[in-house]
Amino acid sequence: MTTAAVSKPQLVDDLLERGQIAQSSNPELLHDFLSSRQSLYCGFDPTAGSLHIGHLVPLLMLKRFQDAGHHVIALIPTIKTCITCCATTVF
C-alpha cells in the first residue's frame, strides 16, 4: 500500500475528506495555519508492554503531516522519566 504525498494546502481538505477532522470553529484559519511548516508531536506511554494497533492511527497521522512537509516528533520517554515525573506529581 502506497500513500501519495499530500501538499500543504491540500492537507486539511484531505483530512476533512477522510473524516479525521470532525469539526472546526474556523476552517480557513486552520487551512492558513497548516500552509506553513509546523511542528507536532505524539507521545506514547513508556509503561506499556509494547506498542499496539491503537498506536497506529497517531503514527499514521504523524506520517501524513510529515509527507505534507511538517516537522513531526514521536516521543517515547524512558521509564526513568516516568518515575521522576510521577514522583513529583501531586494527586
Protein backbone atom coordinates (compact mmCIF):
# COMPACT_ATOMS: atom_id res chain seq x y z
CA MET A 1 0.00 0.00 0.00
CA THR A 2 1.48 3.33 -1.01
CA THR A 3 0.38 6.76 0.07
CA ALA A 4 0.88 9.73 -2.19
CA ALA A 5 2.41 12.81 -0.64
CA VAL A 6 -0.18 15.45 0.17
CA SER A 7 0.79 19.08 -0.36
CA LYS A 8 0.35 21.55 2.48
CA PRO A 9 -2.68 23.36 1.02
CA GLN A 10 -4.42 20.04 0.43
CA LEU A 11 -3.70 18.56 3.88
CA VAL A 12 -6.78 19.99 5.61
CA ASP A 13 -9.02 19.06 2.69
CA ASP A 14 -7.62 15.52 2.73
CA LEU A 15 -8.16 15.18 6.50
CA LEU A 16 -11.73 16.50 6.19
CA GLU A 17 -12.48 14.12 3.32
CA ARG A 18 -11.20 11.15 5.35
CA GLY A 19 -13.28 12.16 8.38
CA GLN A 20 -10.22 12.82 10.54
CA ILE A 21 -11.38 16.33 11.41
CA ALA A 22 -14.84 16.14 12.96
CA GLN A 23 -15.40 19.88 13.36
CA SER A 24 -13.52 23.14 13.30
CA SER A 25 -14.55 26.58 14.51
CA ASN A 26 -12.58 28.28 11.74
CA PRO A 27 -11.56 26.03 8.82
CA GLU A 28 -9.96 28.92 6.91
CA LEU A 29 -7.69 29.74 9.86
CA LEU A 30 -6.73 26.06 10.19
CA HIS A 31 -6.01 25.94 6.46
CA ASP A 32 -3.82 29.08 6.70
CA PHE A 33 -2.05 27.78 9.83
CA LEU A 34 -1.13 24.47 8.21
CA SER A 35 0.02 26.12 4.99
CA SER A 36 3.29 26.98 6.77
CA ARG A 37 5.61 24.39 8.29
CA GLN A 38 4.52 23.39 11.79
CA SER A 39 5.96 21.05 14.42
CA LEU A 40 3.78 18.45 16.08
CA TYR A 41 4.35 15.53 18.37
CA CYS A 42 2.67 12.47 19.75
CA GLY A 43 3.74 10.83 22.98
CA PHE A 44 3.44 7.18 23.93
CA ASP A 45 3.21 5.57 27.38
CA PRO A 46 6.58 4.12 28.40
CA THR A 47 4.95 1.83 30.99
CA ALA A 48 3.01 -0.13 28.35
CA GLY A 49 4.35 -3.56 27.47
CA SER A 50 4.59 -2.71 23.78
CA LEU A 51 3.16 -0.57 21.03
CA HIS A 52 -0.11 -1.99 19.69
CA ILE A 53 -2.68 -1.35 16.96
CA GLY A 54 -4.14 1.55 18.98
CA HIS A 55 -0.92 3.45 18.35
CA LEU A 56 -1.26 3.08 14.59
CA VAL A 57 -3.69 5.97 13.99
CA PRO A 58 -1.49 8.63 15.65
CA LEU A 59 1.59 7.23 13.88
CA LEU A 60 -0.18 7.35 10.52
CA MET A 61 -1.29 10.92 11.25
CA LEU A 62 2.31 11.89 12.02
CA LYS A 63 3.35 10.33 8.72
CA ARG A 64 0.64 12.24 6.84
CA PHE A 65 1.85 15.54 8.34
CA GLN A 66 5.47 14.63 7.58
CA ASP A 67 4.57 13.89 3.94
CA ALA A 68 2.98 17.36 3.80
CA GLY A 69 6.30 18.92 4.87
CA HIS A 70 5.72 19.42 8.59
CA HIS A 71 8.20 18.53 11.35
CA VAL A 72 6.97 15.56 13.41
CA ILE A 73 8.27 14.08 16.65
CA ALA A 74 7.31 10.72 18.16
CA LEU A 75 8.05 10.75 21.90
CA ILE A 76 8.68 7.53 23.75
CA PRO A 77 10.10 8.55 27.13
CA THR A 78 12.12 6.20 29.29
CA ILE A 79 10.68 4.60 32.39
CA LYS A 80 13.11 6.72 34.45
CA THR A 81 11.41 9.84 33.08
CA CYS A 82 8.03 8.49 34.12
CA ILE A 83 9.19 7.67 37.65
CA THR A 84 10.72 11.13 38.02
CA CYS A 85 7.57 12.86 36.73
CA CYS A 86 5.23 10.71 38.82
CA ALA A 87 7.31 11.21 41.96
CA THR A 88 6.94 14.98 41.75
CA THR A 89 3.26 14.96 40.77
CA VAL A 90 0.71 15.75 43.48
CA PHE A 91 -2.52 13.81 43.02
